[in-house]
Amino acid sequence: MNLIEREEKVGLVLEGGGMRGMYTTGVLDVFLEEGLVPDAVIGVSAGAVFGCSYMSEQHGRGIRYNLKYINDDRYASVKSWLKTGNIFNAKFCYDEIPNKLDIYDYDRFKENAAKIPFYVCCTNVDTGKPEYIRCTDFRKEMDYMRASASLPLVSKIVYKGGKKLLDGGTADSIPVEYFRSIGYKKNIVVLTRPEGYVKKPSSTAKLLKFRYKNYPEFIEANINRHHNYNKSLSDIEEQERRGETIIIRPSVEYKIGRIEKDKEKLKYMYKLGRKDAKAKIEELKAFLEM
């Protein structure tokens, strides 16, 4: 990746959304084809998982392994949840796939992350607050990415760095304000919901209160998630009007589940991401001062 010297640093912010992240994968593959390189990247949940293949410059990897393994019970299934406590099987997703089945380029990631900081956002279960963790070597730090994508209720708490961590989207689904606070005043934000989407209150509040009764701040973060998410959307839309942000999001509404098994739907979201990114190529190049 060739980083350009800019007066104003540009961040790339990747929202999560489970298999809606196939949209993000499509966008990022276009970024690789066009040589679009920001000054830093932050991913939340699926945004972190698919953003790592962008950082390792492995074009097509995200759509490839998902199409191959999405219907494999070892990947994501109720069977995995009942057997291991994780609906996304930790060993299969974060060990067997990257180390044996679809090899992850750890060295290329490390090389690029030394120049282009890569962050994952997790939620601290004890405090209910976001943790923004810069990752430089996924041979040692894969558990941070796993934590960022570990959904409440269907995942075990991840213990890493002396902290208890879960899904980053709980505390900060779209961490633009964090990036702005550390110097990235201009941002490209990839969302996985179409324009007009409004997040509704959690329908699992009672289950959350029971499961995490020893973590009241985490429960509160889940209950307030829709308020924080909708405010973040409003803020970045205002930033876009001021020319400080470019938002890339699905141009059409399309029903796809967080753990979608239909390969045609995954392909559709990937192609839509590519289409929407290409539609903004000139705007993106100008924003990145290419």
Protein backbone atom coordinates (compact mmCIF):
# COMPACT_ATOMS: atom_id res chain seq x y z
CA MET A 1 0.00 0.00 0.00
CA ASN A 2 1.37 3.41 -0.97
CA LEU A 3 0.52 6.07 1.58
CA ILE A 4 0.20 9.66 0.33
CA GLU A 5 1.38 12.60 2.41
CA ARG A 6 -1.67 14.74 3.19
CA GLU A 7 -2.21 17.94 5.12
CA GLU A 8 -5.43 16.53 6.57
CA LYS A 9 -5.33 12.89 7.63
CA VAL A 10 -8.11 10.67 6.28
CA GLY A 11 -9.56 7.74 8.22
CA LEU A 12 -11.52 4.77 6.95
CA VAL A 13 -14.31 3.64 9.31
CA LEU A 14 -15.95 0.25 8.78
CA GLU A 15 -19.28 -0.55 10.41
CA GLY A 16 -20.19 -4.12 11.37
CA GLY A 17 -23.37 -6.05 10.63
CA GLY A 18 -22.52 -9.73 10.34
CA MET A 19 -23.01 -11.00 6.80
CA ARG A 20 -24.13 -7.56 5.70
CA GLY A 21 -20.38 -7.06 5.78
CA MET A 22 -20.22 -8.67 2.34
CA TYR A 23 -21.13 -5.17 1.21
CA THR A 24 -18.01 -3.82 2.92
CA THR A 25 -15.92 -6.54 1.29
CA GLY A 26 -17.12 -5.43 -2.13
CA VAL A 27 -16.27 -1.81 -1.35
CA LEU A 28 -12.81 -2.69 -0.08
CA ASP A 29 -11.98 -4.85 -3.08
CA VAL A 30 -12.65 -1.82 -5.27
CA PHE A 31 -10.37 0.22 -2.99
CA LEU A 32 -7.61 -2.33 -3.60
CA GLU A 33 -8.17 -2.29 -7.36
CA GLU A 34 -8.06 1.52 -7.46
CA GLY A 35 -5.19 1.92 -5.00
CA LEU A 36 -7.28 3.93 -2.53
CA VAL A 37 -5.32 4.14 0.72
CA PRO A 38 -6.40 6.10 3.84
CA ASP A 39 -4.11 7.18 6.67
CA ALA A 40 -5.73 4.80 9.19
CA VAL A 41 -8.48 2.19 9.38
CA ILE A 42 -10.86 1.25 12.19
CA GLY A 43 -13.24 -1.70 12.02
CA VAL A 44 -16.09 -2.75 14.26
CA SER A 45 -17.18 -6.39 14.44
CA ALA A 46 -17.59 -7.59 10.83
CA GLY A 47 -15.92 -4.36 9.73
CA ALA A 48 -12.79 -5.46 11.58
CA VAL A 49 -12.98 -9.02 10.23
CA PHE A 50 -13.30 -7.95 6.61
CA GLY A 51 -11.08 -4.90 6.98
CA CYS A 52 -8.13 -7.11 7.87
CA SER A 53 -8.12 -8.66 4.37
CA TYR A 54 -7.98 -5.15 2.92
CA MET A 55 -4.97 -4.42 5.14
CA SER A 56 -3.25 -7.60 3.96
CA GLU A 57 -4.13 -6.72 0.34
CA GLN A 58 -5.86 -10.07 -0.23
CA HIS A 59 -8.35 -9.13 -2.91
CA GLY A 60 -11.44 -11.37 -2.99
CA ARG A 61 -10.58 -13.23 0.20
CA GLY A 62 -13.62 -12.05 2.20
CA ILE A 63 -16.23 -13.16 -0.32
CA ARG A 64 -14.28 -16.31 -1.21
CA TYR A 65 -14.07 -17.98 2.19
CA ASN A 66 -17.58 -16.92 3.19
CA LEU A 67 -19.11 -18.50 0.11
CA LYS A 68 -17.10 -21.64 0.71
CA TYR A 69 -17.80 -22.11 4.41
CA ILE A 70 -21.02 -20.25 5.29
CA ASN A 71 -23.03 -23.48 5.31
CA ASP A 72 -20.37 -25.45 7.14
CA ASP A 73 -21.52 -26.09 10.72
CA ARG A 74 -17.95 -25.51 11.86
CA TYR A 75 -18.18 -21.89 10.71
CA ALA A 76 -21.41 -20.40 12.05
CA SER A 77 -24.28 -22.50 13.39
CA VAL A 78 -26.55 -23.26 16.29
CA LYS A 79 -24.62 -26.53 16.60
CA SER A 80 -21.42 -24.55 17.16
CA TRP A 81 -23.15 -22.34 19.72
CA LEU A 82 -24.47 -25.29 21.70
CA LYS A 83 -21.14 -27.11 21.54
CA THR A 84 -18.67 -24.25 22.10
CA GLY A 85 -20.68 -21.28 23.38
CA ASN A 86 -19.86 -19.32 20.20
CA ILE A 87 -22.21 -19.17 17.23
CA PHE A 88 -19.14 -18.32 15.12
CA ASN A 89 -16.80 -21.17 15.99
CA ALA A 90 -13.67 -19.52 17.40
CA LYS A 91 -11.18 -22.24 16.45
CA PHE A 92 -12.50 -22.68 12.93
CA CYS A 93 -12.96 -18.97 12.12
CA TYR A 94 -9.82 -17.58 13.74
CA ASP A 95 -7.41 -20.49 13.45
CA GLU A 96 -8.28 -23.09 10.82
CA ILE A 97 -9.44 -20.67 8.13
CA PRO A 98 -6.61 -18.10 8.35
CA ASN A 99 -3.86 -20.63 9.14
CA LYS A 100 -4.82 -23.64 7.01
CA LEU A 101 -7.82 -23.25 4.69
CA ASP A 102 -7.57 -19.70 3.28
CA ILE A 103 -4.16 -18.50 4.42
CA TYR A 104 -4.04 -15.01 5.86
CA ASP A 105 -1.01 -12.91 4.95
CA TYR A 106 0.11 -11.91 8.43
CA ASP A 107 3.38 -10.49 7.15
CA ARG A 108 1.72 -8.15 4.65
CA PHE A 109 -0.71 -7.00 7.33
CA LYS A 110 2.17 -6.27 9.71
CA GLU A 111 4.06 -4.37 7.01
CA ASN A 112 1.04 -2.23 6.13
CA ALA A 113 -0.11 -1.72 9.73
CA ALA A 114 3.27 -0.18 10.55
CA LYS A 115 2.44 2.63 8.10
CA ILE A 116 -1.36 2.69 8.25
CA PRO A 117 -2.66 2.21 11.80
CA PHE A 118 -5.39 -0.43 12.04
CA TYR A 119 -7.75 -0.35 15.01
CA VAL A 120 -10.50 -2.66 16.17
CA CYS A 121 -13.29 -1.49 18.44
CA CYS A 122 -14.42 -3.81 21.26
CA THR A 123 -16.76 -3.28 24.19
CA ASN A 124 -15.38 -3.63 27.71
CA VAL A 125 -17.90 -5.86 29.50
CA ASP A 126 -16.98 -4.50 32.94
CA THR A 127 -17.37 -0.82 32.04
CA GLY A 128 -19.73 -0.89 29.06
CA LYS A 129 -17.31 1.49 27.33
CA PRO A 130 -15.57 1.12 23.97
CA GLU A 131 -11.97 -0.01 23.75
CA TYR A 132 -10.10 1.16 20.65
CA ILE A 133 -7.17 -1.17 20.15
CA ARG A 134 -4.43 -0.64 17.62
CA CYS A 135 -3.37 -3.98 16.14
CA THR A 136 0.04 -4.43 14.58
CA ASP A 137 0.52 -8.21 14.49
CA PHE A 138 -2.43 -10.56 14.13
CA ARG A 139 -0.32 -13.58 14.96
CA LYS A 140 -0.45 -12.22 18.52
CA GLU A 141 -3.59 -10.07 18.46
CA MET A 142 -6.24 -12.14 16.68
CA ASP A 143 -8.29 -12.35 19.87
CA TYR A 144 -8.97 -8.62 19.72
CA MET A 145 -10.60 -9.02 16.33
CA ARG A 146 -12.50 -12.07 17.59
CA ALA A 147 -13.74 -10.04 20.55
CA SER A 148 -14.89 -7.21 18.32
CA ALA A 149 -17.06 -9.67 16.37
CA SER A 150 -18.33 -11.70 19.36
CA LEU A 151 -22.05 -10.99 19.53
CA PRO A 152 -23.68 -10.79 22.97
CA LEU A 153 -25.82 -13.77 24.06
CA VAL A 154 -24.38 -16.08 21.40
CA SER A 155 -20.67 -15.67 22.17
CA LYS A 156 -18.40 -16.21 25.12
CA ILE A 157 -16.66 -13.24 26.69
CA VAL A 158 -13.13 -12.90 25.28
CA TYR A 159 -10.37 -12.34 27.82
CA LYS A 160 -7.50 -10.36 26.31
CA GLY A 161 -5.09 -7.76 27.64
CA GLY A 162 -6.48 -8.11 31.14
CA LYS A 163 -9.96 -7.11 29.96
CA LYS A 164 -13.29 -8.81 29.31
CA LEU A 165 -14.37 -7.96 25.77
CA LEU A 166 -17.32 -8.45 23.42
CA ASP A 167 -18.88 -6.96 20.27
CA GLY A 168 -17.57 -3.48 19.54
CA GLY A 169 -20.87 -2.39 18.08
CA THR A 170 -22.47 -2.46 21.52
CA ALA A 171 -20.53 0.59 22.71
CA ASP A 172 -19.62 2.32 19.44
CA SER A 173 -20.99 1.02 16.15
CA ILE A 174 -19.57 3.83 14.00
CA PRO A 175 -16.43 5.18 15.73
CA VAL A 176 -15.98 8.34 13.68
CA GLU A 177 -15.82 10.59 16.74
CA TYR A 178 -12.95 8.53 18.12
CA PHE A 179 -11.04 8.89 14.88
CA ARG A 180 -11.72 12.62 14.79
CA SER A 181 -10.45 12.89 18.37
CA ILE A 182 -7.07 11.37 17.44
CA GLY A 183 -6.53 13.55 14.40
CA TYR A 184 -8.45 12.02 11.50
CA LYS A 185 -10.77 14.96 10.83
CA LYS A 186 -11.77 13.65 7.39
CA ASN A 187 -13.25 10.18 7.12
CA ILE A 188 -14.66 7.69 4.65
CA VAL A 189 -17.40 5.73 6.40
CA VAL A 190 -18.64 2.41 5.04
CA LEU A 191 -22.07 1.53 6.43
CA THR A 192 -24.04 -1.67 5.90
CA ARG A 193 -27.52 -0.15 6.20
CA PRO A 194 -29.20 2.01 3.53
CA GLU A 195 -30.04 5.68 3.85
CA GLY A 196 -33.04 6.27 6.11
CA TYR A 197 -32.32 3.35 8.42
CA VAL A 198 -33.16 4.00 12.07
CA LYS A 199 -32.05 1.50 14.72
CA LYS A 200 -34.80 0.37 17.08
CA PRO A 201 -34.49 -0.53 20.78
CA SER A 202 -33.16 -3.99 21.60
CA SER A 203 -35.74 -6.76 21.67
CA THR A 204 -33.51 -8.90 23.90
CA ALA A 205 -33.32 -6.63 26.96
CA LYS A 206 -34.67 -9.27 29.36
CA LEU A 207 -32.22 -11.90 28.14
CA LEU A 208 -29.35 -9.43 28.39
CA LYS A 209 -30.30 -8.52 31.95
CA PHE A 210 -30.33 -12.19 32.91
CA ARG A 211 -27.17 -13.24 31.06
CA TYR A 212 -25.06 -10.26 32.12
CA LYS A 213 -26.58 -9.54 35.54
CA ASN A 214 -23.08 -9.07 36.97
CA TYR A 215 -22.26 -6.40 34.37
CA PRO A 216 -24.81 -3.57 34.74
CA GLU A 217 -22.80 -1.12 32.63
CA PHE A 218 -22.71 -3.60 29.75
CA ILE A 219 -26.48 -4.09 30.02
CA GLU A 220 -26.93 -0.31 29.96
CA ALA A 221 -24.73 -0.01 26.87
CA ASN A 222 -26.89 -2.57 25.06
CA ILE A 223 -30.12 -0.87 26.09
CA ASN A 224 -28.85 2.52 24.93
CA ARG A 225 -27.24 1.22 21.76
CA HIS A 226 -30.00 2.44 19.44
CA HIS A 227 -29.78 6.00 20.82
CA ASN A 228 -26.01 6.12 20.34
CA TYR A 229 -26.19 4.54 16.89
CA ASN A 230 -28.83 6.95 15.61
CA LYS A 231 -26.91 9.94 17.00
CA SER A 232 -23.74 8.71 15.27
CA LEU A 233 -25.64 8.48 11.99
CA SER A 234 -26.96 11.99 12.41
CA ASP A 235 -23.49 13.32 13.21
CA ILE A 236 -21.76 11.73 10.21
CA GLU A 237 -24.53 12.87 7.87
CA GLU A 238 -23.93 16.43 9.10
CA GLN A 239 -20.19 15.94 8.58
CA GLU A 240 -20.90 14.78 5.03
CA ARG A 241 -22.89 17.96 4.37
CA ARG A 242 -19.86 19.95 5.54
CA GLY A 243 -17.58 18.00 3.20
CA GLU A 244 -15.68 16.33 6.03
CA THR A 245 -16.96 12.80 5.42
CA ILE A 246 -17.91 10.55 2.53
CA ILE A 247 -20.51 7.91 3.34
CA ILE A 248 -20.69 4.72 1.30
CA ARG A 249 -23.78 2.65 2.08
CA PRO A 250 -26.17 0.30 0.28
CA SER A 251 -27.95 2.23 -2.44
CA VAL A 252 -30.94 -0.10 -2.20
CA GLU A 253 -32.60 -1.79 0.74
CA TYR A 254 -32.04 -5.53 0.72
CA LYS A 255 -33.04 -8.06 3.34
CA ILE A 256 -30.09 -10.10 4.55
CA GLY A 257 -29.56 -11.70 7.95
CA ARG A 258 -26.60 -11.17 10.29
CA ILE A 259 -25.85 -14.89 9.90
CA GLU A 260 -27.12 -15.25 6.34
CA LYS A 261 -26.77 -18.70 4.76
CA ASP A 262 -28.07 -17.89 1.28
CA LYS A 263 -25.03 -17.63 -0.98
CA GLU A 264 -26.93 -15.64 -3.60
CA LYS A 265 -27.69 -12.95 -1.03
CA LEU A 266 -24.04 -12.81 -0.05
CA LYS A 267 -23.05 -12.42 -3.71
CA TYR A 268 -25.66 -9.69 -4.16
CA MET A 269 -24.35 -7.65 -1.23
CA TYR A 270 -20.77 -8.02 -2.45
CA LYS A 271 -21.70 -6.85 -5.95
CA LEU A 272 -23.73 -3.97 -4.53
CA GLY A 273 -20.73 -2.85 -2.50
CA ARG A 274 -18.59 -2.89 -5.63
CA LYS A 275 -21.21 -0.97 -7.60
CA ASP A 276 -21.68 1.71 -4.96
CA ALA A 277 -17.93 2.16 -4.48
CA LYS A 278 -17.35 2.52 -8.21
CA ALA A 279 -20.13 5.11 -8.40
CA LYS A 280 -18.12 7.28 -5.99
CA ILE A 281 -14.63 6.63 -7.32
CA GLU A 282 -13.94 10.14 -8.59
CA GLU A 283 -15.31 11.69 -5.42
CA LEU A 284 -13.19 9.33 -3.32
CA LYS A 285 -10.02 10.06 -5.31
CA ALA A 286 -10.55 13.80 -4.91
CA PHE A 287 -11.23 13.35 -1.18
CA LEU A 288 -7.99 11.38 -0.84
CA GLU A 289 -6.23 13.99 -3.02
CA MET A 290 -5.06 11.46 -5.55
